[in-house]
Amino acid sequence: MSNRTFTMIKPDATGKGNTGAILSMINAAGFRIVAMKMTKLSKEKAGEFYAVHAARPFYGELVEFMSSGPITAAILEKDNAVEDFRKLIGSTNPAEAAEGTIRKLYAASIGENAVHGSDSNENAKIEGDFFFSKLEQF
């Protein structure tokens, strides 16, 4: 069990002005933000971040989408962080997401699903370190 996870508020949610509301939900769920920044991924950086999906048919579309506008990246801290955050964000498909989850409230589709959340403790560390140096993690 880890006490840290990683998230990105994606370009769709950022573009619609939902960043503050999503951060408020994260805080209300008991997560502490230990690193955060708004940035825009280049296609190269988006491709590097999502390299694990390079062989999948949606990879090119994912890279295009993730480099289409600003994102907010954050490392979150809480007991059982990965599992609890996955519950908070809801299913990748917002039509199947539980009521009150971030994706149910703010996602438009499977492709434009508002937020990313790490799927394991190992990936949370890798993903957090991709965006933040040790000096930026508190």
Protein backbone atom coordinates (compact mmCIF):
# COMPACT_ATOMS: atom_id res chain seq x y z
CA MET A 1 0.00 0.00 0.00
CA SER A 2 1.34 3.40 -0.96
CA ASN A 3 0.50 6.84 0.31
CA ARG A 4 1.14 8.64 -3.02
CA THR A 5 -0.44 8.66 -6.45
CA PHE A 6 -0.20 10.77 -9.57
CA THR A 7 -2.90 12.58 -11.52
CA MET A 8 -3.26 14.84 -14.51
CA ILE A 9 -6.26 17.04 -15.16
CA LYS A 10 -6.46 16.58 -18.91
CA PRO A 11 -6.85 19.21 -21.67
CA ASP A 12 -10.62 18.69 -21.98
CA ALA A 13 -11.31 19.43 -18.31
CA THR A 14 -8.76 22.24 -18.22
CA GLY A 15 -10.23 23.83 -21.35
CA LYS A 16 -13.74 23.74 -19.87
CA GLY A 17 -12.57 25.49 -16.69
CA ASN A 18 -13.06 22.47 -14.42
CA THR A 19 -9.60 22.42 -12.83
CA GLY A 20 -10.66 24.21 -9.64
CA ALA A 21 -13.73 22.04 -9.10
CA ILE A 22 -11.70 18.86 -9.63
CA LEU A 23 -8.98 20.02 -7.24
CA SER A 24 -11.69 20.83 -4.70
CA MET A 25 -13.04 17.26 -4.97
CA ILE A 26 -9.52 15.89 -4.52
CA ASN A 27 -9.02 17.97 -1.37
CA ALA A 28 -12.46 17.10 -0.01
CA ALA A 29 -11.63 13.39 -0.44
CA GLY A 30 -8.71 13.82 1.96
CA PHE A 31 -5.81 13.98 -0.49
CA ARG A 32 -2.92 16.35 0.18
CA ILE A 33 -1.26 17.88 -2.88
CA VAL A 34 2.51 17.41 -2.51
CA ALA A 35 3.47 18.64 -6.00
CA MET A 36 1.49 20.47 -8.68
CA LYS A 37 2.03 22.40 -11.90
CA MET A 38 0.16 23.50 -14.99
CA THR A 39 2.01 22.76 -18.21
CA LYS A 40 1.47 21.85 -21.85
CA LEU A 41 2.89 18.59 -23.16
CA SER A 42 4.63 18.54 -26.53
CA LYS A 43 3.70 15.62 -28.78
CA GLU A 44 7.12 14.16 -28.00
CA LYS A 45 6.59 14.37 -24.21
CA ALA A 46 3.01 13.05 -24.44
CA GLY A 47 4.32 10.14 -26.54
CA GLU A 48 7.03 9.45 -23.97
CA PHE A 49 4.56 9.52 -21.07
CA TYR A 50 2.15 7.15 -22.83
CA ALA A 51 4.86 4.93 -24.43
CA VAL A 52 3.34 1.92 -22.68
CA HIS A 53 0.39 2.27 -25.11
CA ALA A 54 2.51 2.76 -28.28
CA ALA A 55 1.29 -0.47 -29.91
CA ARG A 56 -2.39 0.23 -29.19
CA PRO A 57 -4.62 1.60 -31.96
CA PHE A 58 -5.59 4.68 -29.93
CA TYR A 59 -1.98 5.76 -29.21
CA GLY A 60 -1.74 8.46 -31.92
CA GLU A 61 -5.10 9.94 -30.97
CA LEU A 62 -4.10 9.89 -27.28
CA VAL A 63 -0.84 11.73 -27.98
CA GLU A 64 -2.68 14.33 -30.12
CA PHE A 65 -5.29 14.87 -27.41
CA MET A 66 -2.83 15.09 -24.53
CA SER A 67 -0.72 17.67 -26.39
CA SER A 68 -3.76 19.72 -27.48
CA GLY A 69 -3.87 22.05 -24.48
CA PRO A 70 -2.65 22.64 -20.94
CA ILE A 71 -2.83 20.00 -18.23
CA THR A 72 -2.43 20.17 -14.48
CA ALA A 73 -0.12 17.49 -13.09
CA ALA A 74 -0.09 16.63 -9.40
CA ILE A 75 1.24 14.16 -6.89
CA LEU A 76 -1.30 13.37 -4.21
CA GLU A 77 -0.77 11.91 -0.75
CA LYS A 78 -3.18 9.90 1.38
CA ASP A 79 -3.25 6.42 2.92
CA ASN A 80 -4.11 3.90 0.17
CA ALA A 81 -3.72 6.70 -2.37
CA VAL A 82 -3.79 4.76 -5.66
CA GLU A 83 -6.88 2.72 -4.87
CA ASP A 84 -8.76 5.58 -3.23
CA PHE A 85 -8.03 7.94 -6.11
CA ARG A 86 -9.15 5.37 -8.70
CA LYS A 87 -12.48 5.19 -6.82
CA LEU A 88 -12.75 8.99 -6.76
CA ILE A 89 -12.18 9.38 -10.51
CA GLY A 90 -14.50 6.55 -11.57
CA SER A 91 -14.58 4.34 -14.64
CA THR A 92 -12.68 5.35 -17.80
CA ASN A 93 -16.04 5.40 -19.56
CA PRO A 94 -18.00 8.23 -17.92
CA ALA A 95 -21.29 6.53 -18.88
CA GLU A 96 -20.28 3.65 -16.57
CA ALA A 97 -18.73 5.81 -13.83
CA ALA A 98 -20.39 5.88 -10.42
CA GLU A 99 -22.46 8.92 -9.48
CA GLY A 100 -20.41 11.64 -7.81
CA THR A 101 -17.09 10.58 -9.35
CA ILE A 102 -14.90 13.06 -11.22
CA ARG A 103 -15.42 11.36 -14.57
CA LYS A 104 -19.20 11.12 -14.10
CA LEU A 105 -19.29 14.85 -13.43
CA TYR A 106 -16.65 16.20 -15.84
CA ALA A 107 -15.78 13.66 -18.57
CA ALA A 108 -17.34 13.77 -22.04
CA SER A 109 -16.24 10.37 -23.38
CA ILE A 110 -13.77 7.51 -22.97
CA GLY A 111 -11.20 9.55 -24.92
CA GLU A 112 -11.90 12.85 -23.19
CA ASN A 113 -12.23 11.54 -19.67
CA ALA A 114 -11.09 14.59 -17.67
CA VAL A 115 -8.37 13.03 -15.49
CA HIS A 116 -5.60 10.49 -15.41
CA GLY A 117 -4.94 8.44 -12.30
CA SER A 118 -2.07 6.03 -11.74
CA ASP A 119 -3.07 2.36 -11.84
CA SER A 120 -0.40 1.04 -9.45
CA ASN A 121 2.04 2.18 -6.78
CA GLU A 122 4.94 1.56 -9.15
CA ASN A 123 3.39 3.63 -11.95
CA ALA A 124 2.50 6.41 -9.51
CA LYS A 125 6.18 6.80 -8.67
CA ILE A 126 7.30 6.62 -12.33
CA GLU A 127 4.62 9.09 -13.46
CA GLY A 128 5.23 11.53 -10.62
CA ASP A 129 8.96 11.49 -11.29
CA PHE A 130 8.29 12.11 -15.01
CA PHE A 131 6.79 15.51 -14.18
CA PHE A 132 8.49 16.53 -10.95
CA SER A 133 12.08 16.63 -9.72
CA LYS A 134 12.83 15.65 -6.12
CA LEU A 135 13.09 19.38 -5.31
CA GLU A 136 9.48 19.88 -6.46
CA GLN A 137 8.00 17.06 -4.34
CA PHE A 138 7.09 17.96 -0.76
